[in-house]
Amino acid sequence: MSTVRAAGRVEEIPERGALRVLVAGVPICLVRSDGQVYAIHDVCSHANVSLAEGEVGDRTIECWLHGSRFDLVTGAALSLPATRPVPVYPVTIEGDDVLVHLPE
């Protein structure tokens, strides 16, 4: 089961960039990459820092502190020093609104 929550508007997310938002108290990194919008937990699994401050690549985001990259689709850690995945959340776009599906 999941709860659908409004997370922002598409135009608030930089092209090929990220935006940190709080959705129901959960830190979420909204990312635009290759014309898609993704939602990934906004805390690196290696260090307690915001992923939204990192660089966005092709369906990836890089932690700005130590350089770990995460897959925006699966949350998998793609490079060291991170070894654990980061939660990802399904996204629905309705008009210009970004809706994130959070687990209950």
Protein backbone atom coordinates (compact mmCIF):
# COMPACT_ATOMS: atom_id res chain seq x y z
CA MET A 1 0.00 0.00 0.00
CA SER A 2 1.10 3.54 -0.62
CA THR A 3 -0.12 7.04 0.03
CA VAL A 4 -0.01 9.56 -2.80
CA ARG A 5 1.26 12.99 -1.75
CA ALA A 6 1.83 16.22 -3.66
CA ALA A 7 5.55 16.99 -3.76
CA GLY A 8 5.72 20.10 -5.94
CA ARG A 9 5.42 21.26 -9.50
CA VAL A 10 7.46 20.05 -12.46
CA GLU A 11 8.71 23.56 -13.28
CA GLU A 12 10.25 23.85 -9.78
CA ILE A 13 12.72 21.06 -10.60
CA PRO A 14 15.73 22.30 -12.59
CA GLU A 15 16.24 20.72 -16.03
CA ARG A 16 18.69 17.87 -15.43
CA GLY A 17 18.81 18.87 -11.79
CA ALA A 18 17.39 18.17 -8.35
CA LEU A 19 15.16 19.76 -5.74
CA ARG A 20 14.93 18.85 -2.04
CA VAL A 21 11.38 18.71 -0.64
CA LEU A 22 9.74 17.35 2.48
CA VAL A 23 6.72 15.16 1.80
CA ALA A 24 4.81 14.09 4.93
CA GLY A 25 8.03 14.65 6.89
CA VAL A 26 10.13 12.49 4.53
CA PRO A 27 13.11 14.17 2.83
CA ILE A 28 12.74 13.56 -0.91
CA CYS A 29 15.04 14.49 -3.76
CA LEU A 30 13.02 15.20 -6.91
CA VAL A 31 15.18 14.82 -9.99
CA ARG A 32 14.73 15.58 -13.68
CA SER A 33 16.88 13.48 -15.97
CA ASP A 34 16.37 12.66 -19.63
CA GLY A 35 12.83 14.10 -19.61
CA GLN A 36 11.68 12.02 -16.63
CA VAL A 37 10.96 12.97 -13.01
CA TYR A 38 12.25 10.69 -10.26
CA ALA A 39 11.90 10.69 -6.47
CA ILE A 40 14.70 9.29 -4.33
CA HIS A 41 15.24 9.51 -0.58
CA ASP A 42 17.27 12.67 0.01
CA VAL A 43 19.84 11.18 2.37
CA CYS A 44 22.96 9.41 1.09
CA SER A 45 23.26 5.88 2.47
CA HIS A 46 26.98 6.43 3.15
CA ALA A 47 26.88 9.82 4.90
CA ASN A 48 24.06 11.91 6.30
CA VAL A 49 24.02 14.50 3.50
CA SER A 50 21.46 15.70 0.97
CA LEU A 51 21.61 14.08 -2.45
CA ALA A 52 19.74 17.04 -3.96
CA GLU A 53 22.99 19.04 -3.80
CA GLY A 54 24.73 16.50 -6.06
CA GLU A 55 25.25 16.28 -9.78
CA VAL A 56 22.60 14.62 -11.96
CA GLY A 57 23.68 12.29 -14.77
CA ASP A 58 21.85 9.86 -17.04
CA ARG A 59 19.32 8.38 -14.56
CA THR A 60 21.86 8.83 -11.73
CA ILE A 61 22.66 11.28 -8.97
CA GLU A 62 26.06 11.75 -7.36
CA CYS A 63 26.52 12.52 -3.69
CA TRP A 64 28.43 15.80 -3.50
CA LEU A 65 30.44 14.81 -0.41
CA HIS A 66 32.20 11.57 -1.37
CA GLY A 67 31.14 10.95 -4.98
CA SER A 68 28.90 7.90 -4.59
CA ARG A 69 26.44 7.55 -7.48
CA PHE A 70 22.91 6.19 -7.14
CA ASP A 71 20.54 4.81 -9.77
CA LEU A 72 17.38 6.96 -9.85
CA VAL A 73 15.20 4.00 -10.92
CA THR A 74 16.34 1.38 -8.40
CA GLY A 75 18.18 3.40 -5.75
CA ALA A 76 21.18 1.06 -6.09
CA ALA A 77 24.58 2.37 -5.07
CA LEU A 78 26.63 2.37 -8.28
CA SER A 79 29.97 3.48 -6.85
CA LEU A 80 31.92 3.50 -3.61
CA PRO A 81 32.06 4.51 -0.88
CA ALA A 82 28.29 3.86 -0.66
CA THR A 83 27.34 0.18 -0.69
CA ARG A 84 23.68 0.33 0.41
CA PRO A 85 20.80 1.45 -1.81
CA VAL A 86 18.65 4.50 -1.17
CA PRO A 87 14.84 4.17 -1.23
CA VAL A 88 13.10 5.35 -4.39
CA TYR A 89 9.46 6.32 -4.70
CA PRO A 90 7.11 6.01 -7.68
CA VAL A 91 6.15 9.34 -9.26
CA THR A 92 2.99 10.35 -11.09
CA ILE A 93 2.65 13.61 -13.00
CA GLU A 94 -0.83 15.14 -13.11
CA GLY A 95 -0.82 18.31 -15.16
CA ASP A 96 2.16 20.19 -13.65
CA ASP A 97 1.89 18.53 -10.23
CA VAL A 98 4.42 15.94 -9.08
CA LEU A 99 2.82 13.25 -6.93
CA VAL A 100 4.98 10.86 -4.91
CA HIS A 101 3.76 7.46 -3.73
CA LEU A 102 5.07 6.90 -0.19
CA PRO A 103 4.81 3.54 1.59
CA GLU A 104 2.37 3.45 4.49
